Amino acid sequence: MRKLEVLNKAVLQSACKAETTRNCESRFLHRLHCVLLVAQGNSCYQVSGWFGEHPCTVERWIHHFHAYGLEGLRDEQKTGRPKKIRDDQLRRLQDEIARDPFELGYNQNGWDGKLLQTHLERRYDIELSVRQCQRLLNQFRHNTSSHGVLSQ
C-alpha cells in the first residue's frame, strides 16, 4: 500500500487552528490530543510543529495535566466583561450573515456594520456599536471561506 499524502497542509493546519478557537470544549480536546501525542512518545517540538503551537505552550499543558489531571487542560475562568453574544447565537448569526440580506427581509445587497447592528437588535435584542459590528463582520470574513455574501 502506498503512503497517502494530504494536499494543502497549510490550509488544514489553519482550519485546525481556527476550529480550536471556537469554544472551550474544542480547546480542551485540542490540548488533550497534544498531551496524548506527547504521551505516545512524540516531543513537544514535534507536536507543536504539527499544530502550530509554541513548544512552551505544549510543555505548559503537560505540566497542567500532571498537576491537575484532565481539569488542568480546561480553560481557566476568565475575568472581565461577559460576552454580549453567546456562542450558539454567534454560530446562528454566522449562518445568517452568509446569506444575502434580501433573504432575511432587508432591502440591502450586502452586509455592513449598520445593517448588522439593526439585525442584532431586531433578531437577538442585542445592542452593539456599529464599530463592534464591523469587527464582527471582519471576524466572520476571516473565519469563513468565500461562501458568504458580505460587503463592507
Protein backbone atom coordinates (compact mmCIF):
# COMPACT_ATOMS: atom_id res chain seq x y z
CA MET A 1 0.00 0.00 0.00
CA ARG A 2 1.44 3.37 -0.93
CA LYS A 3 1.77 6.22 1.53
CA LEU A 4 -1.08 8.74 1.42
CA GLU A 5 -0.37 12.43 1.19
CA VAL A 6 -2.56 15.30 2.32
CA LEU A 7 -2.58 18.21 -0.05
CA ASN A 8 -2.78 21.78 1.22
CA LYS A 9 -1.23 21.01 4.61
CA ALA A 10 -1.11 24.72 5.46
CA VAL A 11 -4.85 25.08 4.84
CA LEU A 12 -5.53 22.08 7.06
CA GLN A 13 -3.32 23.47 9.85
CA SER A 14 -5.07 26.84 9.57
CA ALA A 15 -8.51 25.23 9.72
CA CYS A 16 -7.47 23.18 12.74
CA LYS A 17 -6.18 26.30 14.49
CA ALA A 18 -9.39 28.20 13.69
CA GLU A 19 -11.54 25.34 14.96
CA THR A 20 -9.70 25.22 18.28
CA THR A 21 -10.58 28.86 18.95
CA ARG A 22 -14.33 28.32 18.56
CA ASN A 23 -15.23 27.29 22.09
CA CYS A 24 -13.87 25.91 25.36
CA GLU A 25 -14.65 22.29 24.52
CA SER A 26 -12.71 22.34 21.25
CA ARG A 27 -9.75 23.99 23.02
CA PHE A 28 -9.89 21.31 25.72
CA LEU A 29 -9.93 18.50 23.15
CA HIS A 30 -7.06 20.11 21.24
CA ARG A 31 -4.94 20.29 24.40
CA LEU A 32 -5.88 16.71 25.27
CA HIS A 33 -4.79 15.49 21.82
CA CYS A 34 -1.48 17.31 22.11
CA VAL A 35 -0.79 15.83 25.55
CA LEU A 36 -1.76 12.38 24.27
CA LEU A 37 0.68 12.69 21.36
CA VAL A 38 3.48 13.59 23.78
CA ALA A 39 2.42 10.64 25.98
CA GLN A 40 2.79 8.41 22.89
CA GLY A 41 6.46 9.39 22.64
CA ASN A 42 6.43 12.46 20.40
CA SER A 43 8.35 15.52 21.55
CA CYS A 44 6.72 18.80 22.47
CA TYR A 45 8.57 20.30 19.49
CA GLN A 46 7.08 17.79 17.05
CA VAL A 47 3.55 18.21 18.40
CA SER A 48 3.80 21.99 18.48
CA GLY A 49 5.01 21.98 14.88
CA TRP A 50 2.11 19.85 13.73
CA PHE A 51 -0.48 22.08 15.34
CA GLY A 52 1.16 25.48 15.02
CA GLU A 53 1.60 25.94 18.75
CA HIS A 54 4.69 27.16 20.57
CA PRO A 55 6.63 24.30 22.21
CA CYS A 56 6.44 26.08 25.58
CA THR A 57 2.64 26.07 25.29
CA VAL A 58 2.60 22.29 24.84
CA GLU A 59 5.02 21.93 27.77
CA ARG A 60 2.73 24.10 29.92
CA TRP A 61 -0.24 21.84 29.04
CA ILE A 62 1.79 18.78 30.11
CA HIS A 63 2.66 20.43 33.44
CA HIS A 64 -1.00 21.39 33.98
CA PHE A 65 -2.05 17.82 33.19
CA HIS A 66 0.47 16.42 35.70
CA ALA A 67 -0.59 18.88 38.38
CA TYR A 68 -4.39 18.92 37.91
CA GLY A 69 -5.31 15.96 35.69
CA LEU A 70 -7.77 16.47 32.85
CA GLU A 71 -9.21 19.56 34.53
CA GLY A 72 -5.81 21.22 34.12
CA LEU A 73 -6.38 21.24 30.35
CA ARG A 74 -9.66 23.15 30.55
CA ASP A 75 -9.88 26.93 30.15
CA GLU A 76 -9.43 28.90 33.32
CA GLN A 77 -12.19 31.22 34.47
CA LYS A 78 -11.92 34.41 32.50
CA THR A 79 -12.30 37.77 34.15
CA GLY A 80 -13.60 40.88 32.53
CA ARG A 81 -16.76 41.86 30.75
CA PRO A 82 -19.01 38.96 29.76
CA LYS A 83 -19.83 38.44 26.09
CA LYS A 84 -22.98 40.04 24.77
CA ILE A 85 -23.42 37.30 22.17
CA ARG A 86 -23.45 33.67 23.32
CA ASP A 87 -21.57 31.04 21.27
CA ASP A 88 -24.79 29.46 19.96
CA GLN A 89 -26.07 32.89 18.87
CA LEU A 90 -22.73 33.61 17.21
CA ARG A 91 -22.92 30.38 15.19
CA ARG A 92 -26.50 31.15 14.13
CA LEU A 93 -25.53 34.71 13.27
CA GLN A 94 -22.62 33.50 11.15
CA ASP A 95 -25.03 31.31 9.16
CA GLU A 96 -27.37 34.27 8.70
CA ILE A 97 -24.54 36.57 7.60
CA ALA A 98 -23.54 34.01 4.97
CA ARG A 99 -26.93 34.63 3.33
CA ASP A 100 -27.94 37.61 1.23
CA PRO A 101 -29.66 40.25 3.41
CA PHE A 102 -32.63 40.21 0.98
CA GLU A 103 -33.35 36.63 2.09
CA LEU A 104 -33.75 37.90 5.66
CA GLY A 105 -36.09 40.71 4.67
CA TYR A 106 -33.62 43.58 4.37
CA ASN A 107 -33.58 45.98 1.44
CA GLN A 108 -29.81 45.90 1.01
CA ASN A 109 -27.39 43.99 -1.19
CA GLY A 110 -24.59 43.15 1.26
CA TRP A 111 -23.77 43.25 4.94
CA ASP A 112 -22.20 46.26 6.64
CA GLY A 113 -21.82 47.37 10.24
CA LYS A 114 -25.06 49.37 10.36
CA LEU A 115 -27.16 46.55 8.89
CA LEU A 116 -25.63 44.02 11.28
CA GLN A 117 -26.36 46.38 14.18
CA THR A 118 -30.01 46.57 13.09
CA HIS A 119 -30.20 42.79 12.62
CA LEU A 120 -28.76 42.11 16.09
CA GLU A 121 -31.26 44.48 17.70
CA ARG A 122 -34.26 43.04 15.85
CA ARG A 123 -33.48 39.34 15.94
CA TYR A 124 -31.43 38.94 19.13
CA ASP A 125 -32.29 42.02 21.20
CA ILE A 126 -28.55 42.75 21.43
CA GLU A 127 -27.13 46.26 21.22
CA LEU A 128 -23.64 46.69 19.78
CA SER A 129 -21.94 49.74 18.32
CA VAL A 130 -21.53 49.98 14.56
CA ARG A 131 -17.77 49.67 15.04
CA GLN A 132 -18.16 46.45 17.04
CA CYS A 133 -20.45 45.10 14.30
CA GLN A 134 -17.78 45.93 11.71
CA ARG A 135 -15.24 44.00 13.78
CA LEU A 136 -17.64 41.07 13.96
CA LEU A 137 -18.09 41.10 10.18
CA ASN A 138 -14.32 41.12 9.73
CA GLN A 139 -14.03 38.19 12.13
CA PHE A 140 -16.64 36.27 10.11
CA ARG A 141 -14.83 37.08 6.87
CA HIS A 142 -11.59 35.80 8.36
CA ASN A 143 -13.17 32.59 9.74
CA THR A 144 -15.16 31.61 6.66
CA SER A 145 -14.22 30.72 3.15
CA SER A 146 -15.66 32.64 0.24
CA HIS A 147 -19.17 31.16 0.52
CA GLY A 148 -20.72 34.11 2.37
CA VAL A 149 -22.31 37.21 0.93
CA LEU A 150 -20.51 40.01 2.72
CA SER A 151 -19.66 43.52 1.70
CA GLN A 152 -18.22 46.48 3.52
